[in-house]
Amino acid sequence: MTAFLLPLLAAAALAPAAVQAQANVTGSCVTGRITFDRLRTYSNVLPGSTPKLNVSTYDMIIDYASKNVEFPSTGGASLALIKDPSGKAATGTRVSTTRYILYGKVTARFSALSLPGAVTTFISMSDRKDEIDWEIVGKDLNSAQTNVFYKGIPEFALHGSTEAVADVSKPHEYTIDWKHNTLSWAIDGVVKRTLNKDTSISPLTPPGERWYPSTPSLFQISVWDGGASDSKGTSDWAGGAIQWGSRSNITALYEWIDIQCYDDHDNPVPKWPADATVNPDKKAAPSNQPTSNDPKQQGNAAVRVGAAPMALVAAAVFGGLVSVLAL
């Protein structure tokens, strides 16, 4: 339901503008490096909310468990998997790009978790659940796994692979090179696997379709407790229950994410689409830009809107007209 709330217009006007136009149609890719600047990273702490962020000034959003993400003075983002005192699944976290990408070469440099049961990921995910994966399970310090999914259809073993890497607890560069007809995974610049769209088939896809991602996707990094999964298959895959010893948490350090956009012919370009009306340029973030919708924070216009009655979670500004979306 859409409501025009005059008492909140002044505050809502200060909230991040919603400029993710046509993200699920065209993507909004801009070439460059994301270094996890705290001011350009937004923490979503309101369950069920979907903040609309200005992708010109926000690079990443912490989707949940923002307290598990720290920003070291040396750079990057540290993602923690935190032990549950009661013995339940440990609490992980996930961070996503604010921009959708439709074809491009994306590289993340990170050091993975190295305890059996713990999972470290770098993936793409579209609104219809097309997915491209790099996943590292802590039970094996010398391999990383690739996978690809189509439309969220559950299917395992047919489209995955295991690739050699020396000591996943050390920093490595993991690449997803996603083109219209080929998809490649690389480690430290060395291509480990290539998938061709024409030959990527599955008994679960409708006739004439290929098991191949083809919709704009967010790129995501995460840590999670696979060993505590209710699925025995998932738990065994991850390495079983995490043996914490004296530790209460373990962390994976993501140093940066590099993005190289492709145009409709897979040529490297500064941005795609080139049209700024659907794909705004990157801009410097204002020094007073909100970094959270945490109601406990004061003096934050976006927080005040987010904490208002009806659980207002987004503000859109178009030509001076502010509409506030209410649940």
Protein backbone atom coordinates (compact mmCIF):
# COMPACT_ATOMS: atom_id res chain seq x y z
CA MET A 1 0.00 0.00 0.00
CA THR A 2 1.28 3.51 -0.84
CA ALA A 3 0.64 6.42 1.51
CA PHE A 4 1.60 10.07 1.31
CA LEU A 5 2.49 11.03 4.84
CA LEU A 6 2.93 14.79 5.04
CA PRO A 7 4.39 14.85 8.57
CA LEU A 8 7.22 12.59 7.39
CA LEU A 9 8.03 14.28 4.10
CA ALA A 10 10.90 16.31 5.49
CA ALA A 11 12.57 13.27 7.00
CA ALA A 12 11.80 11.01 4.06
CA ALA A 13 13.33 13.50 1.63
CA LEU A 14 16.65 12.90 3.34
CA ALA A 15 16.43 9.13 2.96
CA PRO A 16 18.40 7.37 0.20
CA ALA A 17 16.78 7.79 -3.21
CA ALA A 18 15.55 4.62 -4.89
CA VAL A 19 17.51 4.47 -8.12
CA GLN A 20 17.63 0.73 -8.69
CA ALA A 21 15.36 1.20 -11.71
CA GLN A 22 14.97 -1.83 -13.97
CA ALA A 23 17.52 -3.77 -11.95
CA ASN A 24 15.68 -6.99 -12.67
CA VAL A 25 15.62 -6.25 -16.41
CA THR A 26 18.88 -4.64 -17.47
CA GLY A 27 21.29 -4.72 -14.56
CA SER A 28 23.17 -1.63 -13.39
CA CYS A 29 26.84 -2.51 -13.62
CA VAL A 30 29.70 -0.04 -13.06
CA THR A 31 33.30 -1.18 -13.49
CA GLY A 32 35.59 -0.65 -10.51
CA ARG A 33 36.83 -1.95 -7.17
CA ILE A 34 34.73 -2.17 -4.02
CA THR A 35 36.89 -1.88 -0.90
CA PHE A 36 34.10 -2.10 1.70
CA ASP A 37 34.16 1.56 2.65
CA ARG A 38 32.02 1.76 5.81
CA LEU A 39 30.27 4.93 4.62
CA ARG A 40 29.28 3.18 1.38
CA THR A 41 27.98 0.05 3.17
CA TYR A 42 24.43 0.00 4.58
CA SER A 43 23.36 -2.21 7.49
CA ASN A 44 19.81 -3.54 7.26
CA VAL A 45 18.78 -4.43 10.83
CA LEU A 46 14.98 -4.44 10.40
CA PRO A 47 13.72 -7.98 9.66
CA GLY A 48 11.56 -8.12 6.56
CA SER A 49 12.53 -4.68 5.32
CA THR A 50 13.91 -3.94 1.87
CA PRO A 51 15.73 -0.60 1.94
CA LYS A 52 15.86 1.26 -1.36
CA LEU A 53 19.37 2.63 -1.61
CA ASN A 54 21.05 5.12 -3.89
CA VAL A 55 23.40 2.88 -5.83
CA SER A 56 25.51 5.90 -6.76
CA THR A 57 26.69 6.26 -3.16
CA TYR A 58 26.11 2.81 -1.64
CA ASP A 59 28.18 -0.15 -2.88
CA MET A 60 27.08 -2.89 -0.48
CA ILE A 61 24.32 -3.79 1.96
CA ILE A 62 24.62 -6.07 4.98
CA ASP A 63 21.48 -8.19 4.62
CA TYR A 64 21.40 -9.55 8.16
CA ALA A 65 23.50 -9.90 11.33
CA SER A 66 25.30 -6.60 10.81
CA LYS A 67 27.05 -7.01 14.16
CA ASN A 68 28.97 -9.88 12.58
CA VAL A 69 30.62 -7.53 10.08
CA GLU A 70 33.59 -5.38 11.03
CA PHE A 71 35.72 -3.01 8.97
CA PRO A 72 39.40 -3.34 9.92
CA SER A 73 41.57 -0.23 9.80
CA THR A 74 43.73 -2.05 7.24
CA GLY A 75 40.75 -2.30 4.87
CA GLY A 76 38.24 -4.86 3.73
CA ALA A 77 35.37 -6.45 5.63
CA SER A 78 35.65 -9.16 8.28
CA LEU A 79 32.67 -11.55 8.36
CA ALA A 80 32.24 -13.52 11.58
CA LEU A 81 30.57 -16.83 12.27
CA ILE A 82 29.58 -16.64 15.95
CA LYS A 83 29.01 -19.67 18.16
CA ASP A 84 25.57 -20.05 19.71
CA PRO A 85 25.89 -20.57 23.50
CA SER A 86 22.98 -23.03 23.49
CA GLY A 87 24.56 -25.25 20.87
CA LYS A 88 22.25 -24.26 18.02
CA ALA A 89 23.53 -23.21 14.59
CA ALA A 90 26.16 -20.47 14.70
CA THR A 91 25.11 -17.05 13.42
CA GLY A 92 26.61 -16.05 10.11
CA THR A 93 26.07 -13.02 7.92
CA ARG A 94 25.72 -11.96 4.27
CA VAL A 95 26.72 -8.84 2.36
CA SER A 96 25.35 -8.05 -1.13
CA THR A 97 26.13 -5.54 -3.85
CA THR A 98 23.50 -2.83 -4.23
CA ARG A 99 23.77 -3.04 -8.01
CA TYR A 100 22.55 -5.89 -10.17
CA ILE A 101 24.96 -7.16 -12.81
CA LEU A 102 23.99 -8.84 -16.07
CA TYR A 103 27.21 -10.37 -17.42
CA GLY A 104 30.64 -9.31 -16.24
CA LYS A 105 33.88 -10.49 -14.68
CA VAL A 106 33.77 -10.28 -10.89
CA THR A 107 36.67 -11.16 -8.60
CA ALA A 108 36.73 -11.30 -4.80
CA ARG A 109 39.93 -11.57 -2.78
CA PHE A 110 39.39 -13.25 0.56
CA SER A 111 40.67 -15.67 3.20
CA ALA A 112 38.16 -18.42 3.98
CA LEU A 113 37.09 -20.06 7.24
CA SER A 114 39.11 -23.19 7.96
CA LEU A 115 37.09 -25.17 10.52
CA PRO A 116 35.10 -28.21 9.33
CA GLY A 117 31.40 -27.33 9.25
CA ALA A 118 32.00 -23.67 8.38
CA VAL A 119 31.19 -22.42 4.87
CA THR A 120 32.59 -19.33 3.11
CA THR A 121 30.96 -18.12 -0.10
CA PHE A 122 31.23 -15.75 -3.04
CA ILE A 123 28.20 -16.10 -5.31
CA SER A 124 25.76 -14.37 -7.65
CA MET A 125 22.01 -14.52 -7.06
CA SER A 126 19.17 -13.20 -9.23
CA ASP A 127 15.57 -12.45 -8.32
CA ARG A 128 14.46 -15.67 -10.00
CA LYS A 129 17.25 -17.62 -8.26
CA ASP A 130 19.76 -18.03 -11.05
CA GLU A 131 22.99 -18.61 -9.13
CA ILE A 132 26.74 -18.94 -9.70
CA ASP A 133 28.87 -20.18 -6.79
CA TRP A 134 32.28 -20.28 -5.28
CA GLU A 135 31.90 -22.15 -1.97
CA ILE A 136 34.61 -23.24 0.43
CA VAL A 137 34.00 -25.79 3.16
CA GLY A 138 36.36 -25.70 6.10
CA LYS A 139 36.86 -29.45 6.17
CA ASP A 140 39.11 -29.22 3.10
CA LEU A 141 41.83 -26.59 3.24
CA ASN A 142 43.06 -27.25 -0.28
CA SER A 143 39.98 -27.05 -2.47
CA ALA A 144 37.15 -24.73 -3.44
CA GLN A 145 33.87 -25.74 -5.05
CA THR A 146 31.97 -24.26 -7.99
CA ASN A 147 28.32 -24.65 -8.85
CA VAL A 148 25.59 -23.11 -11.00
CA PHE A 149 21.83 -23.14 -10.53
CA TYR A 150 18.93 -22.16 -12.75
CA LYS A 151 15.63 -20.66 -11.59
CA GLY A 152 16.19 -22.00 -8.09
CA ILE A 153 15.52 -25.58 -9.18
CA PRO A 154 16.99 -27.97 -6.58
CA GLU A 155 19.58 -30.06 -8.33
CA PHE A 156 22.89 -31.29 -7.00
CA ALA A 157 25.97 -33.14 -8.22
CA LEU A 158 25.37 -32.56 -11.95
CA HIS A 159 26.72 -29.02 -12.26
CA GLY A 160 29.30 -28.69 -9.49
CA SER A 161 33.06 -29.17 -9.41
CA THR A 162 35.89 -29.21 -6.89
CA GLU A 163 39.01 -27.21 -7.72
CA ALA A 164 42.47 -27.29 -6.15
CA VAL A 165 43.77 -24.29 -4.23
CA ALA A 166 46.64 -24.05 -1.76
CA ASP A 167 45.40 -23.32 1.78
CA VAL A 168 42.03 -21.56 1.63
CA SER A 169 42.78 -19.80 4.94
CA LYS A 170 45.27 -17.64 3.03
CA PRO A 171 44.14 -14.82 0.68
CA HIS A 172 43.21 -15.90 -2.85
CA GLU A 173 41.44 -14.22 -5.74
CA TYR A 174 38.29 -16.06 -6.81
CA THR A 175 36.79 -15.03 -10.16
CA ILE A 176 33.41 -15.54 -11.82
CA ASP A 177 33.64 -14.60 -15.53
CA TRP A 178 30.04 -14.57 -16.75
CA LYS A 179 29.40 -14.07 -20.46
CA HIS A 180 26.34 -14.66 -22.62
CA ASN A 181 27.45 -18.12 -23.77
CA THR A 182 30.31 -19.14 -21.48
CA LEU A 183 30.88 -19.10 -17.74
CA SER A 184 34.34 -19.52 -16.21
CA TRP A 185 35.66 -19.85 -12.68
CA ALA A 186 39.27 -18.89 -11.87
CA ILE A 187 41.57 -18.82 -8.84
CA ASP A 188 44.44 -16.33 -8.71
CA GLY A 189 44.00 -15.64 -12.42
CA VAL A 190 44.10 -19.30 -13.49
CA VAL A 191 40.90 -20.59 -15.11
CA LYS A 192 39.79 -23.75 -13.32
CA ARG A 193 36.54 -24.51 -15.09
CA THR A 194 34.50 -23.30 -18.08
CA LEU A 195 30.82 -24.02 -18.75
CA ASN A 196 29.32 -23.59 -22.22
CA LYS A 197 25.68 -22.55 -22.37
CA ASP A 198 24.93 -24.71 -25.41
CA THR A 199 25.96 -27.90 -23.64
CA SER A 200 24.70 -27.05 -20.14
CA ILE A 201 21.61 -29.23 -19.84
CA SER A 202 19.60 -30.82 -17.09
CA PRO A 203 16.72 -33.30 -16.97
CA LEU A 204 14.90 -30.75 -14.81
CA THR A 205 14.83 -27.86 -17.30
CA PRO A 206 11.91 -27.42 -19.73
CA PRO A 207 12.56 -28.47 -23.35
CA GLY A 208 14.75 -26.02 -25.24
CA GLU A 209 16.10 -24.29 -22.12
CA ARG A 210 19.66 -24.46 -20.85
CA TRP A 211 20.89 -24.76 -17.28
CA TYR A 212 22.50 -21.34 -17.46
CA PRO A 213 22.05 -18.08 -15.50
CA SER A 214 20.74 -15.27 -17.68
CA THR A 215 19.09 -12.73 -15.36
CA PRO A 216 20.61 -9.69 -13.57
CA SER A 217 22.15 -10.75 -10.28
CA LEU A 218 23.48 -9.37 -7.03
CA PHE A 219 26.92 -10.57 -6.02
CA GLN A 220 27.07 -11.76 -2.43
CA ILE A 221 29.62 -12.83 0.16
CA SER A 222 28.70 -14.81 3.27
CA VAL A 223 29.72 -17.15 6.05
CA TRP A 224 27.37 -19.76 7.49
CA ASP A 225 27.19 -22.87 9.63
CA GLY A 226 26.71 -25.77 7.23
CA GLY A 227 27.54 -28.37 9.84
CA ALA A 228 24.41 -27.50 11.86
CA SER A 229 22.08 -27.99 8.90
CA ASP A 230 18.98 -30.14 9.45
CA SER A 231 19.90 -31.87 6.19
CA LYS A 232 22.37 -34.67 6.83
CA GLY A 233 23.64 -34.32 3.27
CA THR A 234 24.43 -30.63 3.78
CA SER A 235 25.96 -31.25 7.20
CA ASP A 236 28.19 -34.02 5.86
CA TRP A 237 29.17 -31.88 2.88
CA ALA A 238 30.23 -29.04 5.18
CA GLY A 239 32.19 -31.29 7.50
CA GLY A 240 29.78 -31.94 10.37
CA ALA A 241 29.33 -29.99 13.58
CA ILE A 242 31.89 -27.25 14.12
CA GLN A 243 34.38 -28.12 16.86
CA TRP A 244 34.83 -24.72 18.46
CA GLY A 245 37.27 -25.61 21.21
CA SER A 246 37.89 -22.42 23.20
CA ARG A 247 36.80 -20.17 20.34
CA SER A 248 33.52 -18.26 20.30
CA ASN A 249 33.82 -17.01 16.73
CA ILE A 250 35.81 -17.39 13.53
CA THR A 251 36.23 -14.80 10.78
CA ALA A 252 36.78 -14.60 7.04
CA LEU A 253 38.44 -11.47 5.67
CA TYR A 254 37.21 -10.14 2.32
CA GLU A 255 39.71 -7.57 1.04
CA TRP A 256 37.95 -6.29 -2.08
CA ILE A 257 35.67 -7.07 -5.00
CA ASP A 258 36.66 -6.12 -8.56
CA ILE A 259 33.93 -5.68 -11.17
CA GLN A 260 34.46 -5.54 -14.94
CA CYS A 261 31.20 -4.92 -16.79
CA TYR A 262 30.43 -6.43 -20.20
CA ASP A 263 28.19 -4.98 -22.89
CA ASP A 264 25.71 -6.98 -24.95
CA HIS A 265 28.61 -8.40 -27.01
CA ASP A 266 30.77 -9.34 -23.98
CA ASN A 267 33.14 -6.43 -24.55
CA PRO A 268 34.64 -4.89 -21.39
CA VAL A 269 33.09 -1.45 -20.80
CA PRO A 270 33.18 1.19 -18.03
CA LYS A 271 29.47 0.62 -17.31
CA TRP A 272 26.47 -1.22 -18.72
CA PRO A 273 23.87 -0.15 -19.60
CA ALA A 274 25.58 3.10 -20.59
CA ASP A 275 22.35 5.09 -20.13
CA ALA A 276 22.62 7.01 -16.85
CA THR A 277 18.84 7.15 -16.48
CA VAL A 278 18.75 3.42 -15.75
CA ASN A 279 22.34 3.02 -14.54
CA PRO A 280 23.55 6.03 -12.51
CA ASP A 281 27.25 6.79 -12.24
CA LYS A 282 29.15 6.18 -9.03
CA LYS A 283 29.47 9.30 -6.85
CA ALA A 284 31.18 10.27 -3.62
CA ALA A 285 29.11 9.44 -0.56
CA PRO A 286 27.99 12.42 1.57
CA SER A 287 29.76 12.50 4.94
CA ASN A 288 26.37 12.36 6.70
CA GLN A 289 25.03 9.47 4.64
CA PRO A 290 23.07 7.01 6.87
CA THR A 291 24.79 3.65 7.28
CA SER A 292 21.97 1.80 9.02
CA ASN A 293 18.23 1.66 9.69
CA ASP A 294 18.88 0.74 13.32
CA PRO A 295 16.18 2.47 15.41
CA LYS A 296 18.67 2.82 18.27
CA GLN A 297 20.75 5.25 16.27
CA GLN A 298 19.83 8.90 16.67
CA GLY A 299 19.98 11.77 14.21
CA ASN A 300 19.50 9.49 11.23
CA ALA A 301 16.67 10.52 8.91
CA ALA A 302 16.45 7.12 7.29
CA VAL A 303 16.25 5.51 10.70
CA ARG A 304 13.43 7.80 11.79
CA VAL A 305 11.45 6.85 8.68
CA GLY A 306 12.26 3.16 9.18
CA ALA A 307 11.12 3.26 12.82
CA ALA A 308 7.89 5.11 12.16
CA PRO A 309 4.45 3.46 12.57
CA MET A 310 3.49 0.91 9.91
CA ALA A 311 7.15 -0.17 9.68
CA LEU A 312 8.03 2.18 6.86
CA VAL A 313 11.00 0.67 5.13
CA ALA A 314 11.67 2.59 1.93
CA ALA A 315 11.58 6.05 0.48
CA ALA A 316 11.55 6.91 -3.23
CA VAL A 317 12.26 10.36 -4.53
CA PHE A 318 11.26 11.25 -8.08
CA GLY A 319 11.33 14.84 -9.24
CA GLY A 320 10.75 16.20 -5.75
CA LEU A 321 7.73 13.96 -5.12
CA VAL A 322 8.31 11.64 -2.19
CA SER A 323 6.30 8.46 -1.83
CA VAL A 324 6.75 6.35 1.25
CA LEU A 325 6.01 2.65 0.97
CA ALA A 326 4.24 1.23 4.00
CA LEU A 327 3.80 -2.38 4.89
